[in-house]
Amino acid sequence: MPIPPIVELTDGSLPKGPQFWLDAATAQVRRYCEWHITPEVQEDLILDGSGTRSLLIPSGHVKSLVSCTDQGVDVLADVDVSEKGVLTRRSGCWSRRNGSVRVTVLHGFESAPDVAGVIAEVAARAATSPGNVVRQNTGPMGVGYATVGGAPISLPLLQSEKDILAPYKLVWGP
């Protein structure tokens, strides 16, 4: 079976409506932060074992650990969980096997107005931007934008937006 396209033409044109840009901006922000951020959801995750006492889950705001198994053995009573997504075994270590840890976690923020503001700004900028400048002349003026079917090629985050998202971005390691 062929893999379906991610984007399809609407009446022979690329989609350019507000919802398209909101969805694209949301995906960009979530990709940058490396987790969904909001809303609060219960999610089943399959993780690779670390072989150590600690294991990181992709979350910056854990409300509760609902279930946890390592190689099929229930270890929930033996695990401490931090709000920042660190699961620590009280005794022993996590296995070293890929995909051996399965958790159900309640995580995410109920709302994040600052994140919503960044998404709205990125979407508005993308919807009104002619594209990235790829050619620029000085005499007698001129400019060229990188577009595909009239739409900008990317949704770059500005440094000020990255600064707003910094508290939500997962930072693992140095």
C-alpha atoms as a PDB file:
ATOM      1  CA  MET A   1       0.000   0.000   0.000  1.00  0.00           C
ATOM      2  CA  PRO A   2       1.478   3.398  -0.934  1.00  0.00           C
ATOM      3  CA  ILE A   3       2.183   5.904   1.805  1.00  0.00           C
ATOM      4  CA  PRO A   4      -0.369   8.737   1.653  1.00  0.00           C
ATOM      5  CA  PRO A   5       0.866  12.300   1.085  1.00  0.00           C
ATOM      6  CA  ILE A   6       1.282  14.648   4.028  1.00  0.00           C
ATOM      7  CA  VAL A   7      -0.246  17.580   2.143  1.00  0.00           C
ATOM      8  CA  GLU A   8      -2.751  17.442  -0.678  1.00  0.00           C
ATOM      9  CA  LEU A   9      -3.891  20.095  -3.100  1.00  0.00           C
ATOM     10  CA  THR A  10      -7.136  21.898  -2.346  1.00  0.00           C
ATOM     11  CA  ASP A  11      -8.949  22.873  -5.546  1.00  0.00           C
ATOM     12  CA  GLY A  12      -5.660  22.574  -7.430  1.00  0.00           C
ATOM     13  CA  SER A  13      -3.708  24.790  -5.013  1.00  0.00           C
ATOM     14  CA  LEU A  14      -1.535  24.290  -1.982  1.00  0.00           C
ATOM     15  CA  PRO A  15      -3.410  24.854   1.270  1.00  0.00           C
ATOM     16  CA  LYS A  16      -2.795  28.318   2.660  1.00  0.00           C
ATOM     17  CA  GLY A  17      -5.671  28.818   5.085  1.00  0.00           C
ATOM     18  CA  PRO A  18      -5.292  29.856   8.740  1.00  0.00           C
ATOM     19  CA  GLN A  19      -5.748  26.302  10.086  1.00  0.00           C
ATOM     20  CA  PHE A  20      -3.003  24.996   7.817  1.00  0.00           C
ATOM     21  CA  TRP A  21      -0.549  27.578   9.192  1.00  0.00           C
ATOM     22  CA  LEU A  22      -1.644  27.003  12.806  1.00  0.00           C
ATOM     23  CA  ASP A  23      -1.075  23.261  12.379  1.00  0.00           C
ATOM     24  CA  ALA A  24       2.321  23.857  10.758  1.00  0.00           C
ATOM     25  CA  ALA A  25       3.384  26.340  13.458  1.00  0.00           C
ATOM     26  CA  THR A  26       2.219  23.956  16.212  1.00  0.00           C
ATOM     27  CA  ALA A  27       4.279  21.160  14.678  1.00  0.00           C
ATOM     28  CA  GLN A  28       7.327  23.457  14.430  1.00  0.00           C
ATOM     29  CA  VAL A  29       7.065  24.511  18.097  1.00  0.00           C
ATOM     30  CA  ARG A  30       6.569  20.912  19.265  1.00  0.00           C
ATOM     31  CA  ARG A  31       9.522  19.753  17.172  1.00  0.00           C
ATOM     32  CA  TYR A  32      11.698  22.514  18.624  1.00  0.00           C
ATOM     33  CA  CYS A  33      10.657  21.721  22.228  1.00  0.00           C
ATOM     34  CA  GLU A  34      10.823  17.943  21.554  1.00  0.00           C
ATOM     35  CA  TRP A  35       7.484  17.119  23.198  1.00  0.00           C
ATOM     36  CA  HIS A  36       3.814  18.062  22.917  1.00  0.00           C
ATOM     37  CA  ILE A  37       3.761  20.668  25.802  1.00  0.00           C
ATOM     38  CA  THR A  38      -0.027  21.062  25.964  1.00  0.00           C
ATOM     39  CA  PRO A  39      -2.675  19.796  26.583  1.00  0.00           C
ATOM     40  CA  GLU A  40      -2.399  17.484  29.566  1.00  0.00           C
ATOM     41  CA  VAL A  41      -2.754  13.957  28.148  1.00  0.00           C
ATOM     42  CA  GLN A  42      -2.359  10.370  29.262  1.00  0.00           C
ATOM     43  CA  GLU A  43       0.068   8.717  26.874  1.00  0.00           C
ATOM     44  CA  ASP A  44       1.564   5.255  26.440  1.00  0.00           C
ATOM     45  CA  LEU A  45       5.287   5.361  25.663  1.00  0.00           C
ATOM     46  CA  ILE A  46       7.740   2.636  24.670  1.00  0.00           C
ATOM     47  CA  LEU A  47      11.292   3.537  25.687  1.00  0.00           C
ATOM     48  CA  ASP A  48      14.740   2.065  25.300  1.00  0.00           C
ATOM     49  CA  GLY A  49      16.282   0.871  28.559  1.00  0.00           C
ATOM     50  CA  SER A  50      19.252   2.901  29.776  1.00  0.00           C
ATOM     51  CA  GLY A  51      21.073   0.233  31.771  1.00  0.00           C
ATOM     52  CA  THR A  52      21.322   2.752  34.639  1.00  0.00           C
ATOM     53  CA  ARG A  53      19.120   3.735  37.575  1.00  0.00           C
ATOM     54  CA  SER A  54      17.660   6.741  35.705  1.00  0.00           C
ATOM     55  CA  LEU A  55      15.646   6.946  32.511  1.00  0.00           C
ATOM     56  CA  LEU A  56      14.415  10.062  30.732  1.00  0.00           C
ATOM     57  CA  ILE A  57      10.966  10.289  29.222  1.00  0.00           C
ATOM     58  CA  PRO A  58      10.084  12.949  26.630  1.00  0.00           C
ATOM     59  CA  SER A  59       8.197  15.313  28.906  1.00  0.00           C
ATOM     60  CA  GLY A  60       8.816  18.573  30.674  1.00  0.00           C
ATOM     61  CA  HIS A  61       5.805  18.350  32.997  1.00  0.00           C
ATOM     62  CA  VAL A  62       4.874  14.928  34.409  1.00  0.00           C
ATOM     63  CA  LYS A  63       1.738  14.881  36.538  1.00  0.00           C
ATOM     64  CA  SER A  64       1.780  11.174  37.360  1.00  0.00           C
ATOM     65  CA  LEU A  65       3.162   7.825  36.317  1.00  0.00           C
ATOM     66  CA  VAL A  66       0.157   5.545  35.793  1.00  0.00           C
ATOM     67  CA  SER A  67       1.957   2.311  34.909  1.00  0.00           C
ATOM     68  CA  CYS A  68       5.510   1.177  34.291  1.00  0.00           C
ATOM     69  CA  THR A  69       7.018  -2.120  33.164  1.00  0.00           C
ATOM     70  CA  ASP A  70      10.568  -3.150  32.356  1.00  0.00           C
ATOM     71  CA  GLN A  71      10.889  -6.277  30.180  1.00  0.00           C
ATOM     72  CA  GLY A  72       7.253  -7.043  30.982  1.00  0.00           C
ATOM     73  CA  VAL A  73       7.708  -6.864  34.778  1.00  0.00           C
ATOM     74  CA  ASP A  74       5.634  -4.291  36.686  1.00  0.00           C
ATOM     75  CA  VAL A  75       8.115  -1.933  38.386  1.00  0.00           C
ATOM     76  CA  LEU A  76       5.768   0.965  39.201  1.00  0.00           C
ATOM     77  CA  ALA A  77       6.229   0.598  42.973  1.00  0.00           C
ATOM     78  CA  ASP A  78      10.024   0.721  42.497  1.00  0.00           C
ATOM     79  CA  VAL A  79      10.111   3.973  40.475  1.00  0.00           C
ATOM     80  CA  ASP A  80      10.367   7.593  41.586  1.00  0.00           C
ATOM     81  CA  VAL A  81       9.286  10.139  38.977  1.00  0.00           C
ATOM     82  CA  SER A  82      10.261  13.787  38.698  1.00  0.00           C
ATOM     83  CA  GLU A  83       8.127  16.503  37.174  1.00  0.00           C
ATOM     84  CA  LYS A  84      10.830  16.974  34.519  1.00  0.00           C
ATOM     85  CA  GLY A  85      10.524  13.395  33.253  1.00  0.00           C
ATOM     86  CA  VAL A  86      13.250  11.481  35.081  1.00  0.00           C
ATOM     87  CA  LEU A  87      12.270   7.959  36.158  1.00  0.00           C
ATOM     88  CA  THR A  88      14.603   6.611  38.837  1.00  0.00           C
ATOM     89  CA  ARG A  89      14.643   3.008  40.018  1.00  0.00           C
ATOM     90  CA  ARG A  90      14.847   2.740  43.818  1.00  0.00           C
ATOM     91  CA  SER A  91      16.614  -0.607  43.523  1.00  0.00           C
ATOM     92  CA  GLY A  92      18.446  -2.076  40.576  1.00  0.00           C
ATOM     93  CA  CYS A  93      18.703  -0.562  37.131  1.00  0.00           C
ATOM     94  CA  TRP A  94      16.650  -0.329  33.982  1.00  0.00           C
ATOM     95  CA  SER A  95      17.363  -3.023  31.410  1.00  0.00           C
ATOM     96  CA  ARG A  96      19.660  -2.228  28.487  1.00  0.00           C
ATOM     97  CA  ARG A  97      17.207  -3.530  25.897  1.00  0.00           C
ATOM     98  CA  ASN A  98      15.665  -1.335  23.231  1.00  0.00           C
ATOM     99  CA  GLY A  99      11.920  -0.944  23.635  1.00  0.00           C
ATOM    100  CA  SER A 100      11.904  -2.822  26.943  1.00  0.00           C
ATOM    101  CA  VAL A 101      10.365  -0.076  29.088  1.00  0.00           C
ATOM    102  CA  ARG A 102       6.679   0.694  28.724  1.00  0.00           C
ATOM    103  CA  VAL A 103       5.082   3.533  30.650  1.00  0.00           C
ATOM    104  CA  THR A 104       1.727   5.216  30.826  1.00  0.00           C
ATOM    105  CA  VAL A 105       2.177   8.791  31.925  1.00  0.00           C
ATOM    106  CA  LEU A 106      -0.126  11.742  32.552  1.00  0.00           C
ATOM    107  CA  HIS A 107       1.821  14.764  31.343  1.00  0.00           C
ATOM    108  CA  GLY A 108       1.677  18.175  29.733  1.00  0.00           C
ATOM    109  CA  PHE A 109       0.344  21.538  30.813  1.00  0.00           C
ATOM    110  CA  GLU A 110      -3.393  22.221  30.952  1.00  0.00           C
ATOM    111  CA  SER A 111      -2.673  25.433  29.076  1.00  0.00           C
ATOM    112  CA  ALA A 112       0.360  27.441  28.034  1.00  0.00           C
ATOM    113  CA  PRO A 113      -0.708  30.899  26.846  1.00  0.00           C
ATOM    114  CA  ASP A 114       2.871  31.948  26.103  1.00  0.00           C
ATOM    115  CA  VAL A 115       3.347  28.923  23.838  1.00  0.00           C
ATOM    116  CA  ALA A 116      -0.014  29.616  22.174  1.00  0.00           C
ATOM    117  CA  GLY A 117       1.139  33.184  21.544  1.00  0.00           C
ATOM    118  CA  VAL A 118       4.321  31.993  19.841  1.00  0.00           C
ATOM    119  CA  ILE A 119       2.328  29.580  17.669  1.00  0.00           C
ATOM    120  CA  ALA A 120      -0.111  32.337  16.677  1.00  0.00           C
ATOM    121  CA  GLU A 121       2.761  34.700  15.781  1.00  0.00           C
ATOM    122  CA  VAL A 122       4.613  32.078  13.733  1.00  0.00           C
ATOM    123  CA  ALA A 123       1.393  31.120  11.918  1.00  0.00           C
ATOM    124  CA  ALA A 124       0.508  34.768  11.195  1.00  0.00           C
ATOM    125  CA  ARG A 125       4.012  35.500   9.934  1.00  0.00           C
ATOM    126  CA  ALA A 126       4.009  32.431   7.687  1.00  0.00           C
ATOM    127  CA  ALA A 127       0.547  33.196   6.313  1.00  0.00           C
ATOM    128  CA  THR A 128       1.516  36.734   5.344  1.00  0.00           C
ATOM    129  CA  SER A 129       5.170  36.232   4.423  1.00  0.00           C
ATOM    130  CA  PRO A 130       6.056  36.061   0.746  1.00  0.00           C
ATOM    131  CA  GLY A 131       8.984  33.751   1.675  1.00  0.00           C
ATOM    132  CA  ASN A 132      12.679  33.838   2.502  1.00  0.00           C
ATOM    133  CA  VAL A 133      14.773  36.288   0.500  1.00  0.00           C
ATOM    134  CA  VAL A 134      16.957  34.372  -1.972  1.00  0.00           C
ATOM    135  CA  ARG A 135      17.875  37.244  -4.305  1.00  0.00           C
ATOM    136  CA  GLN A 136      18.285  40.935  -3.644  1.00  0.00           C
ATOM    137  CA  ASN A 137      19.289  43.755  -5.992  1.00  0.00           C
ATOM    138  CA  THR A 138      20.170  47.334  -5.158  1.00  0.00           C
ATOM    139  CA  GLY A 139      19.711  49.157  -8.393  1.00  0.00           C
ATOM    140  CA  PRO A 140      16.856  49.543  -9.729  1.00  0.00           C
ATOM    141  CA  MET A 141      15.564  47.661  -6.672  1.00  0.00           C
ATOM    142  CA  GLY A 142      14.361  44.061  -6.601  1.00  0.00           C
ATOM    143  CA  VAL A 143      14.033  41.122  -4.291  1.00  0.00           C
ATOM    144  CA  GLY A 144      13.339  37.401  -4.718  1.00  0.00           C
ATOM    145  CA  TYR A 145      11.615  35.085  -2.249  1.00  0.00           C
ATOM    146  CA  ALA A 146      11.946  31.328  -1.799  1.00  0.00           C
ATOM    147  CA  THR A 147       8.472  29.900  -2.173  1.00  0.00           C
ATOM    148  CA  VAL A 148       6.713  26.776  -3.317  1.00  0.00           C
ATOM    149  CA  GLY A 149       3.412  27.492  -5.004  1.00  0.00           C
ATOM    150  CA  GLY A 150       3.341  30.928  -3.372  1.00  0.00           C
ATOM    151  CA  ALA A 151       3.886  29.578   0.153  1.00  0.00           C
ATOM    152  CA  PRO A 152       7.020  30.212   2.239  1.00  0.00           C
ATOM    153  CA  ILE A 153       9.407  27.262   2.397  1.00  0.00           C
ATOM    154  CA  SER A 154       9.819  27.156   6.172  1.00  0.00           C
ATOM    155  CA  LEU A 155       8.503  28.454   9.472  1.00  0.00           C
ATOM    156  CA  PRO A 156      11.647  29.638  11.242  1.00  0.00           C
ATOM    157  CA  LEU A 157      11.435  30.532  14.909  1.00  0.00           C
ATOM    158  CA  LEU A 158      12.886  33.895  15.843  1.00  0.00           C
ATOM    159  CA  GLN A 159      15.359  34.081  18.735  1.00  0.00           C
ATOM    160  CA  SER A 160      12.787  35.969  20.832  1.00  0.00           C
ATOM    161  CA  GLU A 161      10.326  33.091  20.270  1.00  0.00           C
ATOM    162  CA  LYS A 162      12.971  30.523  21.207  1.00  0.00           C
ATOM    163  CA  ASP A 163      13.569  32.508  24.407  1.00  0.00           C
ATOM    164  CA  ILE A 164       9.851  32.267  25.264  1.00  0.00           C
ATOM    165  CA  LEU A 165       9.903  28.513  24.566  1.00  0.00           C
ATOM    166  CA  ALA A 166      13.105  27.893  26.566  1.00  0.00           C
ATOM    167  CA  PRO A 167      11.301  26.791  29.776  1.00  0.00           C
ATOM    168  CA  TYR A 168       9.410  24.159  27.754  1.00  0.00           C
ATOM    169  CA  LYS A 169      12.300  22.825  25.656  1.00  0.00           C
ATOM    170  CA  LEU A 170      13.698  19.467  26.719  1.00  0.00           C
ATOM    171  CA  VAL A 171      17.383  19.782  27.545  1.00  0.00           C
ATOM    172  CA  TRP A 172      19.020  16.434  28.105  1.00  0.00           C
ATOM    173  CA  GLY A 173      22.690  16.456  28.861  1.00  0.00           C
ATOM    174  CA  PRO A 174      25.290  19.209  28.502  1.00  0.00           C
END
